[in-house]
């Protein structure tokens, strides 16, 4: 199990896993044995907030085993009280040293928001409202809006989660913005 890893070690592990994914040289895992190990509890080394896009699977992208990454998935990486609570669980209870906000190229939610002419009703409209500041700030340039949306999500987390803000200020968690490139499989760290 992964324990007592600092943020630099966690980031190095993510980078190494992504390099294997890009080249197709993934590790082989014994999932049956790992499931048995995890009965004693989970000790992931990263909390990752990512888009719910089915092409963006952190365990694959970072070539990790079950129990190593604590995932929170929402359309467009947007956060609400429930996802913030999940992030807090990863950071405070599970003590993950990295909180990664993982956007991706060709994000359908951000693209839809940039192309939106009329307001959407219902819960989809709520997602668009959360992405809209990034779309407007970048004049609805999709690639720029994807990056800006991740910055907005980071600020939203810090403004609405005293738990994560304190952990970041105390150096207990490093918040990282990164973008998954669908075409190559590469993850590029933005900040």
C-alpha atoms as a PDB file:
ATOM      1  CA  UNK A   1       0.000   0.000   0.000  1.00  0.00           C
ATOM      2  CA  UNK A   2       1.018   3.594  -0.559  1.00  0.00           C
ATOM      3  CA  UNK A   3       1.698   5.489   2.668  1.00  0.00           C
ATOM      4  CA  UNK A   4       3.577   8.591   3.761  1.00  0.00           C
ATOM      5  CA  UNK A   5       4.259   9.852   0.258  1.00  0.00           C
ATOM      6  CA  UNK A   6       4.962  13.577  -0.108  1.00  0.00           C
ATOM      7  CA  UNK A   7       3.646  15.720  -2.951  1.00  0.00           C
ATOM      8  CA  UNK A   8       6.858  15.534  -4.981  1.00  0.00           C
ATOM      9  CA  UNK A   9       6.902  11.726  -4.776  1.00  0.00           C
ATOM     10  CA  UNK A  10       3.212  11.562  -5.645  1.00  0.00           C
ATOM     11  CA  UNK A  11       3.680  13.830  -8.664  1.00  0.00           C
ATOM     12  CA  UNK A  12       6.670  11.790  -9.821  1.00  0.00           C
ATOM     13  CA  UNK A  13       4.590   8.626  -9.565  1.00  0.00           C
ATOM     14  CA  UNK A  14       1.803  10.222 -11.611  1.00  0.00           C
ATOM     15  CA  UNK A  15       4.296  11.407 -14.258  1.00  0.00           C
ATOM     16  CA  UNK A  16       5.947   7.983 -14.501  1.00  0.00           C
ATOM     17  CA  UNK A  17       2.571   6.263 -14.793  1.00  0.00           C
ATOM     18  CA  UNK A  18       1.461   8.654 -17.502  1.00  0.00           C
ATOM     19  CA  UNK A  19       4.686   8.056 -19.431  1.00  0.00           C
ATOM     20  CA  UNK A  20       3.957   4.311 -19.387  1.00  0.00           C
ATOM     21  CA  UNK A  21       0.383   4.944 -20.527  1.00  0.00           C
ATOM     22  CA  UNK A  22       1.539   7.129 -23.435  1.00  0.00           C
ATOM     23  CA  UNK A  23       3.946   4.451 -24.681  1.00  0.00           C
ATOM     24  CA  UNK A  24       1.582   1.555 -23.983  1.00  0.00           C
ATOM     25  CA  UNK A  25       4.008  -0.093 -21.565  1.00  0.00           C
ATOM     26  CA  UNK A  26       1.611  -0.423 -18.661  1.00  0.00           C
ATOM     27  CA  UNK A  27       2.362  -2.461 -15.575  1.00  0.00           C
ATOM     28  CA  UNK A  28       0.538  -5.694 -14.942  1.00  0.00           C
ATOM     29  CA  UNK A  29      -1.542  -5.777 -11.790  1.00  0.00           C
ATOM     30  CA  UNK A  30      -2.867  -8.624  -9.699  1.00  0.00           C
ATOM     31  CA  UNK A  31      -6.296  -7.172  -9.003  1.00  0.00           C
ATOM     32  CA  UNK A  32      -7.435 -10.143  -6.927  1.00  0.00           C
ATOM     33  CA  UNK A  33      -4.510  -9.791  -4.514  1.00  0.00           C
ATOM     34  CA  UNK A  34      -4.926  -6.012  -4.471  1.00  0.00           C
ATOM     35  CA  UNK A  35      -8.632  -6.267  -3.606  1.00  0.00           C
ATOM     36  CA  UNK A  36      -7.685  -8.407  -0.601  1.00  0.00           C
ATOM     37  CA  UNK A  37      -5.026  -5.883   0.498  1.00  0.00           C
ATOM     38  CA  UNK A  38      -7.552  -3.067   0.292  1.00  0.00           C
ATOM     39  CA  UNK A  39      -9.906  -4.766   2.746  1.00  0.00           C
ATOM     40  CA  UNK A  40      -7.719  -3.217   5.460  1.00  0.00           C
ATOM     41  CA  UNK A  41      -8.416   0.278   4.070  1.00  0.00           C
ATOM     42  CA  UNK A  42      -7.456   2.634   1.306  1.00  0.00           C
ATOM     43  CA  UNK A  43      -4.370   4.829   1.195  1.00  0.00           C
ATOM     44  CA  UNK A  44      -4.423   6.636  -2.159  1.00  0.00           C
ATOM     45  CA  UNK A  45      -1.549   8.959  -2.994  1.00  0.00           C
ATOM     46  CA  UNK A  46      -3.604  11.478  -5.001  1.00  0.00           C
ATOM     47  CA  UNK A  47      -7.066  12.969  -5.068  1.00  0.00           C
ATOM     48  CA  UNK A  48      -8.059  13.756  -8.642  1.00  0.00           C
ATOM     49  CA  UNK A  49     -11.017  15.883  -9.654  1.00  0.00           C
ATOM     50  CA  UNK A  50     -11.678  15.163 -13.289  1.00  0.00           C
ATOM     51  CA  UNK A  51     -14.352  15.391 -15.901  1.00  0.00           C
ATOM     52  CA  UNK A  52     -16.882  12.589 -16.061  1.00  0.00           C
ATOM     53  CA  UNK A  53     -15.986  12.099 -19.744  1.00  0.00           C
ATOM     54  CA  UNK A  54     -15.664   8.347 -20.335  1.00  0.00           C
ATOM     55  CA  UNK A  55     -12.364   8.852 -22.187  1.00  0.00           C
ATOM     56  CA  UNK A  56     -10.710  10.321 -19.094  1.00  0.00           C
ATOM     57  CA  UNK A  57      -9.970   7.525 -16.592  1.00  0.00           C
ATOM     58  CA  UNK A  58      -7.236   8.520 -14.102  1.00  0.00           C
ATOM     59  CA  UNK A  59      -6.355   4.937 -13.172  1.00  0.00           C
ATOM     60  CA  UNK A  60      -5.511   4.221 -16.806  1.00  0.00           C
ATOM     61  CA  UNK A  61      -4.006   7.611 -17.649  1.00  0.00           C
ATOM     62  CA  UNK A  62      -1.607   7.339 -14.692  1.00  0.00           C
ATOM     63  CA  UNK A  63      -1.168   3.553 -14.921  1.00  0.00           C
ATOM     64  CA  UNK A  64      -2.134   2.992 -11.314  1.00  0.00           C
ATOM     65  CA  UNK A  65      -3.674   0.152  -9.389  1.00  0.00           C
ATOM     66  CA  UNK A  66      -7.012   0.149  -7.600  1.00  0.00           C
ATOM     67  CA  UNK A  67      -6.869   2.011  -4.309  1.00  0.00           C
ATOM     68  CA  UNK A  68      -4.099   4.399  -5.408  1.00  0.00           C
ATOM     69  CA  UNK A  69      -6.133   7.335  -6.734  1.00  0.00           C
ATOM     70  CA  UNK A  70      -9.165   8.885  -5.038  1.00  0.00           C
ATOM     71  CA  UNK A  71     -11.412  10.057  -7.903  1.00  0.00           C
ATOM     72  CA  UNK A  72     -14.086  12.704  -8.027  1.00  0.00           C
ATOM     73  CA  UNK A  73     -15.748  13.001 -11.435  1.00  0.00           C
ATOM     74  CA  UNK A  74     -18.137  15.721 -12.605  1.00  0.00           C
ATOM     75  CA  UNK A  75     -18.998  17.174 -16.002  1.00  0.00           C
ATOM     76  CA  UNK A  76     -16.551  19.983 -16.713  1.00  0.00           C
ATOM     77  CA  UNK A  77     -14.780  19.413 -13.374  1.00  0.00           C
ATOM     78  CA  UNK A  78     -17.370  21.648 -11.704  1.00  0.00           C
ATOM     79  CA  UNK A  79     -17.759  21.438  -7.943  1.00  0.00           C
ATOM     80  CA  UNK A  80     -20.736  21.630  -5.629  1.00  0.00           C
ATOM     81  CA  UNK A  81     -21.163  20.812  -1.948  1.00  0.00           C
ATOM     82  CA  UNK A  82     -21.090  17.058  -2.529  1.00  0.00           C
ATOM     83  CA  UNK A  83     -17.956  17.053  -4.684  1.00  0.00           C
ATOM     84  CA  UNK A  84     -16.281  19.508  -2.277  1.00  0.00           C
ATOM     85  CA  UNK A  85     -17.064  17.102   0.558  1.00  0.00           C
ATOM     86  CA  UNK A  86     -15.510  14.289  -1.444  1.00  0.00           C
ATOM     87  CA  UNK A  87     -12.391  16.365  -2.099  1.00  0.00           C
ATOM     88  CA  UNK A  88     -12.176  17.203   1.607  1.00  0.00           C
ATOM     89  CA  UNK A  89     -12.434  13.501   2.418  1.00  0.00           C
ATOM     90  CA  UNK A  90      -9.469  12.773   0.141  1.00  0.00           C
ATOM     91  CA  UNK A  91      -7.369  15.637   1.458  1.00  0.00           C
ATOM     92  CA  UNK A  92      -8.213  15.566   5.173  1.00  0.00           C
ATOM     93  CA  UNK A  93      -9.194  11.982   5.954  1.00  0.00           C
ATOM     94  CA  UNK A  94      -7.146  10.034   3.409  1.00  0.00           C
ATOM     95  CA  UNK A  95      -4.218  12.495   3.620  1.00  0.00           C
ATOM     96  CA  UNK A  96      -3.493  12.543  -0.104  1.00  0.00           C
ATOM     97  CA  UNK A  97      -0.545  14.905  -0.669  1.00  0.00           C
ATOM     98  CA  UNK A  98      -1.766  15.954  -4.140  1.00  0.00           C
ATOM     99  CA  UNK A  99      -5.102  17.338  -5.274  1.00  0.00           C
ATOM    100  CA  UNK A 100      -5.103  17.411  -9.063  1.00  0.00           C
ATOM    101  CA  UNK A 101      -7.709  19.215 -11.098  1.00  0.00           C
ATOM    102  CA  UNK A 102      -7.512  17.310 -14.373  1.00  0.00           C
ATOM    103  CA  UNK A 103      -9.117  18.934 -17.397  1.00  0.00           C
ATOM    104  CA  UNK A 104      -8.857  17.584 -20.915  1.00  0.00           C
ATOM    105  CA  UNK A 105      -8.836  18.616 -24.533  1.00  0.00           C
ATOM    106  CA  UNK A 106     -12.140  18.551 -26.377  1.00  0.00           C
ATOM    107  CA  UNK A 107     -14.143  18.857 -23.148  1.00  0.00           C
ATOM    108  CA  UNK A 108     -17.790  18.555 -24.121  1.00  0.00           C
ATOM    109  CA  UNK A 109     -19.092  20.564 -21.167  1.00  0.00           C
ATOM    110  CA  UNK A 110     -16.771  23.524 -21.774  1.00  0.00           C
ATOM    111  CA  UNK A 111     -17.353  23.335 -25.539  1.00  0.00           C
ATOM    112  CA  UNK A 112     -21.119  23.334 -25.015  1.00  0.00           C
ATOM    113  CA  UNK A 113     -20.869  26.352 -22.734  1.00  0.00           C
ATOM    114  CA  UNK A 114     -18.764  28.272 -25.254  1.00  0.00           C
ATOM    115  CA  UNK A 115     -21.237  27.525 -28.047  1.00  0.00           C
ATOM    116  CA  UNK A 116     -24.373  27.996 -25.951  1.00  0.00           C
ATOM    117  CA  UNK A 117     -26.787  30.578 -27.329  1.00  0.00           C
ATOM    118  CA  UNK A 118     -29.657  30.139 -24.870  1.00  0.00           C
ATOM    119  CA  UNK A 119     -29.684  29.270 -21.209  1.00  0.00           C
ATOM    120  CA  UNK A 120     -30.230  25.580 -20.451  1.00  0.00           C
ATOM    121  CA  UNK A 121     -32.883  24.590 -17.961  1.00  0.00           C
ATOM    122  CA  UNK A 122     -32.469  22.145 -15.125  1.00  0.00           C
ATOM    123  CA  UNK A 123     -29.290  20.653 -13.796  1.00  0.00           C
ATOM    124  CA  UNK A 124     -27.416  20.924 -17.104  1.00  0.00           C
ATOM    125  CA  UNK A 125     -28.019  24.645 -16.848  1.00  0.00           C
ATOM    126  CA  UNK A 126     -26.396  24.624 -13.406  1.00  0.00           C
ATOM    127  CA  UNK A 127     -23.264  23.062 -14.901  1.00  0.00           C
ATOM    128  CA  UNK A 128     -23.175  25.716 -17.618  1.00  0.00           C
ATOM    129  CA  UNK A 129     -23.523  28.492 -15.009  1.00  0.00           C
ATOM    130  CA  UNK A 130     -20.408  27.199 -13.263  1.00  0.00           C
ATOM    131  CA  UNK A 131     -18.382  27.055 -16.507  1.00  0.00           C
ATOM    132  CA  UNK A 132     -19.680  30.342 -17.926  1.00  0.00           C
ATOM    133  CA  UNK A 133     -17.176  32.645 -16.130  1.00  0.00           C
ATOM    134  CA  UNK A 134     -14.282  30.797 -17.811  1.00  0.00           C
ATOM    135  CA  UNK A 135     -16.003  30.923 -21.202  1.00  0.00           C
ATOM    136  CA  UNK A 136     -16.679  34.646 -20.909  1.00  0.00           C
ATOM    137  CA  UNK A 137     -13.197  35.492 -19.633  1.00  0.00           C
ATOM    138  CA  UNK A 138     -11.637  33.797 -22.667  1.00  0.00           C
ATOM    139  CA  UNK A 139     -14.194  35.190 -25.145  1.00  0.00           C
ATOM    140  CA  UNK A 140     -15.486  31.658 -25.654  1.00  0.00           C
ATOM    141  CA  UNK A 141     -12.222  30.348 -27.102  1.00  0.00           C
ATOM    142  CA  UNK A 142     -12.642  26.689 -26.252  1.00  0.00           C
ATOM    143  CA  UNK A 143      -9.026  25.659 -25.574  1.00  0.00           C
ATOM    144  CA  UNK A 144      -8.410  28.730 -23.435  1.00  0.00           C
ATOM    145  CA  UNK A 145     -11.741  28.247 -21.660  1.00  0.00           C
ATOM    146  CA  UNK A 146     -10.768  24.671 -20.703  1.00  0.00           C
ATOM    147  CA  UNK A 147      -7.620  25.971 -18.980  1.00  0.00           C
ATOM    148  CA  UNK A 148      -9.431  28.926 -17.408  1.00  0.00           C
ATOM    149  CA  UNK A 149     -12.182  26.633 -16.133  1.00  0.00           C
ATOM    150  CA  UNK A 150      -9.603  24.613 -14.190  1.00  0.00           C
ATOM    151  CA  UNK A 151      -8.316  27.840 -12.615  1.00  0.00           C
ATOM    152  CA  UNK A 152     -11.877  28.823 -11.714  1.00  0.00           C
ATOM    153  CA  UNK A 153     -12.485  25.403 -10.175  1.00  0.00           C
ATOM    154  CA  UNK A 154      -9.322  25.738  -8.080  1.00  0.00           C
ATOM    155  CA  UNK A 155     -10.450  29.146  -6.828  1.00  0.00           C
ATOM    156  CA  UNK A 156     -13.922  27.778  -6.101  1.00  0.00           C
ATOM    157  CA  UNK A 157     -12.421  24.968  -4.034  1.00  0.00           C
ATOM    158  CA  UNK A 158     -10.208  27.351  -2.068  1.00  0.00           C
ATOM    159  CA  UNK A 159     -13.063  29.801  -1.493  1.00  0.00           C
ATOM    160  CA  UNK A 160     -15.616  27.192  -0.453  1.00  0.00           C
ATOM    161  CA  UNK A 161     -13.524  24.645   1.419  1.00  0.00           C
ATOM    162  CA  UNK A 162     -11.728  25.930   4.504  1.00  0.00           C
ATOM    163  CA  UNK A 163     -10.433  22.374   4.965  1.00  0.00           C
ATOM    164  CA  UNK A 164      -8.618  22.294   1.609  1.00  0.00           C
ATOM    165  CA  UNK A 165      -7.489  25.913   1.895  1.00  0.00           C
ATOM    166  CA  UNK A 166      -5.870  25.257   5.286  1.00  0.00           C
ATOM    167  CA  UNK A 167      -4.259  22.019   4.075  1.00  0.00           C
ATOM    168  CA  UNK A 168      -2.803  23.874   1.076  1.00  0.00           C
ATOM    169  CA  UNK A 169      -1.564  26.768   3.223  1.00  0.00           C
ATOM    170  CA  UNK A 170      -0.002  24.329   5.706  1.00  0.00           C
ATOM    171  CA  UNK A 171       1.750  22.411   2.904  1.00  0.00           C
ATOM    172  CA  UNK A 172      -0.236  19.230   3.549  1.00  0.00           C
ATOM    173  CA  UNK A 173      -1.593  19.148   0.006  1.00  0.00           C
ATOM    174  CA  UNK A 174      -0.305  20.507  -3.273  1.00  0.00           C
ATOM    175  CA  UNK A 175      -3.001  21.634  -5.697  1.00  0.00           C
ATOM    176  CA  UNK A 176      -2.048  20.924  -9.303  1.00  0.00           C
ATOM    177  CA  UNK A 177      -3.787  21.888 -12.531  1.00  0.00           C
ATOM    178  CA  UNK A 178      -3.179  19.483 -15.399  1.00  0.00           C
ATOM    179  CA  UNK A 179      -4.625  18.794 -18.831  1.00  0.00           C
ATOM    180  CA  UNK A 180      -5.060  15.393 -20.435  1.00  0.00           C
ATOM    181  CA  UNK A 181      -4.418  15.464 -24.184  1.00  0.00           C
ATOM    182  CA  UNK A 182      -6.859  13.031 -25.780  1.00  0.00           C
ATOM    183  CA  UNK A 183      -4.836  12.700 -28.987  1.00  0.00           C
ATOM    184  CA  UNK A 184      -1.580  11.582 -27.354  1.00  0.00           C
ATOM    185  CA  UNK A 185      -2.550  10.359 -23.879  1.00  0.00           C
ATOM    186  CA  UNK A 186      -0.119  12.825 -22.341  1.00  0.00           C
ATOM    187  CA  UNK A 187      -0.899  14.823 -19.204  1.00  0.00           C
ATOM    188  CA  UNK A 188       0.578  18.321 -19.163  1.00  0.00           C
ATOM    189  CA  UNK A 189       0.940  20.036 -15.797  1.00  0.00           C
ATOM    190  CA  UNK A 190      -0.204  23.647 -16.095  1.00  0.00           C
ATOM    191  CA  UNK A 191       0.576  24.832 -12.559  1.00  0.00           C
END
